[in-house]
Amino acid sequence: PAEDQSVAAQDFATIDWTGDHELSQQRTERLETIRQKGRGSRKYFMLTWDVSQGWIAVAFIGVITGCIAWCIDMTVKWVTDLKTGYCKR
C-alpha cells in the first residue's frame, strides 16, 4: 500500500501526504541539529538560507513577471505604432 501511494504521487494522481510529512520532519530535525551543534558561518548560512528561501522565490518570480510585463508593453507599443503608421525615423 505505501508503494502504491508513492507511485500514484509520481503520476500526479494524488498527493503523498505521508511522504511530504516525513520530508518535513527530516528537514526540521536537520535544522534543529544545525541549531544545536552547528558552528560559525556554516550554521549562520544554513539557518539564513532556510528562512530566506521563500522570499528569494517571491523576488525571483516578481522579477520574471516584471520582465514579461515589460516585453508585453513594448510589443503593444510597437504593434500600435505599426497600426497607426508612426515611425521614429
Protein backbone atom coordinates (compact mmCIF):
# COMPACT_ATOMS: atom_id res chain seq x y z
CA PRO A 1 0.00 0.00 0.00
CA ALA A 2 2.77 2.52 0.79
CA GLU A 3 4.45 1.79 -2.54
CA ASP A 4 1.13 2.23 -4.36
CA GLN A 5 0.74 5.69 -2.80
CA SER A 6 4.23 6.72 -3.90
CA VAL A 7 3.63 5.51 -7.45
CA ALA A 8 0.33 7.38 -7.58
CA ALA A 9 2.05 10.55 -6.34
CA GLN A 10 4.66 10.29 -9.07
CA ASP A 11 1.84 10.16 -11.63
CA PHE A 12 0.36 13.34 -10.10
CA ALA A 13 -2.87 11.47 -9.39
CA THR A 14 -2.77 12.02 -5.63
CA ILE A 15 -0.77 13.90 -3.03
CA ASP A 16 1.53 11.81 -0.89
CA TRP A 17 0.76 13.48 2.44
CA THR A 18 2.73 10.87 4.40
CA GLY A 19 5.84 11.32 2.28
CA ASP A 20 5.59 15.11 2.48
CA HIS A 21 5.21 14.94 6.25
CA GLU A 22 8.26 12.68 6.55
CA LEU A 23 10.35 15.06 4.43
CA SER A 24 9.20 17.98 6.56
CA GLN A 25 10.11 16.13 9.74
CA GLN A 26 13.56 15.29 8.36
CA ARG A 27 14.11 18.94 7.44
CA THR A 28 13.02 20.09 10.89
CA GLU A 29 15.32 17.57 12.58
CA ARG A 30 18.23 18.61 10.35
CA LEU A 31 17.70 22.28 11.19
CA GLU A 32 17.43 21.53 14.89
CA THR A 33 20.72 19.61 14.74
CA ILE A 34 22.34 22.55 13.00
CA ARG A 35 20.97 24.94 15.64
CA GLN A 36 22.33 22.83 18.48
CA LYS A 37 25.63 21.53 17.08
CA GLY A 38 26.45 23.89 14.22
CA ARG A 39 29.27 26.39 14.43
CA GLY A 40 30.34 29.58 12.80
CA SER A 41 29.49 30.76 9.34
CA ARG A 42 28.10 27.41 8.11
CA LYS A 43 25.46 27.43 10.86
CA TYR A 44 24.59 31.05 10.11
CA PHE A 45 24.41 30.37 6.36
CA MET A 46 22.24 27.24 6.68
CA LEU A 47 19.73 28.88 9.03
CA THR A 48 19.59 32.08 6.98
CA TRP A 49 19.18 30.11 3.76
CA ASP A 50 16.29 28.13 5.23
CA VAL A 51 14.49 31.26 6.40
CA SER A 52 15.04 33.22 3.18
CA GLN A 53 14.21 30.59 0.53
CA GLY A 54 10.58 31.68 0.28
CA TRP A 55 11.50 35.35 -0.08
CA ILE A 56 14.11 34.57 -2.70
CA ALA A 57 11.50 32.65 -4.69
CA VAL A 58 9.00 35.52 -4.37
CA ALA A 59 11.60 38.05 -5.52
CA PHE A 60 12.65 35.88 -8.46
CA ILE A 61 9.06 35.35 -9.56
CA GLY A 62 8.43 39.09 -9.24
CA VAL A 63 11.42 39.95 -11.42
CA ILE A 64 10.41 37.40 -14.05
CA THR A 65 6.82 38.70 -14.01
CA GLY A 66 8.10 42.27 -14.41
CA CYS A 67 10.27 41.27 -17.37
CA ILE A 68 7.33 39.54 -19.06
CA ALA A 69 5.12 42.60 -18.45
CA TRP A 70 7.81 44.86 -19.93
CA CYS A 71 8.05 42.65 -23.04
CA ILE A 72 4.27 42.74 -23.45
CA ASP A 73 4.21 46.52 -23.02
CA MET A 74 6.96 47.07 -25.59
CA THR A 75 5.25 44.71 -28.04
CA VAL A 76 1.92 46.53 -27.65
CA LYS A 77 3.62 49.89 -28.28
CA TRP A 78 5.40 48.52 -31.35
CA VAL A 79 2.23 46.97 -32.80
CA THR A 80 0.30 50.19 -32.12
CA ASP A 81 2.99 52.17 -33.95
CA LEU A 82 2.69 49.77 -36.90
CA LYS A 83 -1.08 50.15 -36.90
CA THR A 84 -1.01 53.95 -36.86
CA GLY A 85 1.89 54.15 -39.31
CA TYR A 86 4.16 56.05 -36.92
CA CYS A 87 7.89 55.63 -37.37
CA LYS A 88 10.56 57.39 -35.30
CA ARG A 89 12.91 57.84 -38.30
